[in-house]
Amino acid sequence: MKRIEAIALAAEAAEAQNALLVCNIGYPSRELFSVKDRPENFYMLGSMGLASSIGLGLALARPERKVMVLDGDGSVLMNLGTLATIAHHAPENYLLVILDNCCYGSTGSQPTCTHLGTDLFALAKAAGVENVKRVDKVEDLPGAFPDFGVVIIKVEPGNADVPIIELSPEKIIERFRKSARPAEIS
C-alpha cells in the first residue's frame, strides 16, 4: 500500500475521533496536508525523530483529548527511547502510527534498519508497549486504528507528488494551539 493511502485513512480516523494529529517531517506532513488539512493537524517541519515525543507530551498534558501521531520508521529509529517512555506512561488517549517504508523517504530513500531486518513491532513489545498491532495489507487498514498504543503499518517506498505546505510555521502553530486548547480557554 502507498503511504498516502495509509495517511488518508489515519486522518479520517483522527477526524472521526476529534483527535489532535501530529505528523512526521517531510513528505508525510505534505501528504497529510494534501489529503486532509485541518487546524487539529500539527505538521512537523523540523526535529526529525521527535513527533512521537511531542505527541506523547501533548497526550499527557491533555488526557481528555485523543492524540494520534504519524511517524516514520527512520524517525522512530532515531528516538527509540520514545517507545520505552510510551510504555511507561501508557496514556489511553495516545496512538503512535509508524509508517514503515524501510527507508528515509524525504531525503532520498536511503534504507533504514527496518530494511535490514530491525522489527519495530518486536522493539515496541520489548520496550513494554502492551497494545501493539502490525498491518501489512491495505484491506486491514480501515480497522487498524485502536484508541491507544502503537500500530506499525508496512507501506511501499516512494513519495506522493504533493505540493509543499502553504502555511508558515507560525500559522501552523497558531491554528494548532487554538484547536488544542481546552474549551474554556478557546
Foldseek 3Di string as FASTA:
>chain_A
DAPLLLLLLVLVVCVVQVAQEEEAAAQRLLSNCVRDDDLSYQYDNDDQLCQLVVQVVLCVVCVVHAYEYEHEPVSCVVPVVSLLVCQVVVRLRYEYEYEYQQAPQRPPGHGDCVVVPDDVQVSSVVSRFDDEEEAEDPVPSNPQTDRYTYYYYYHHRDGDPGDDDPDDNVRSCVSNVVSSDDPVVD
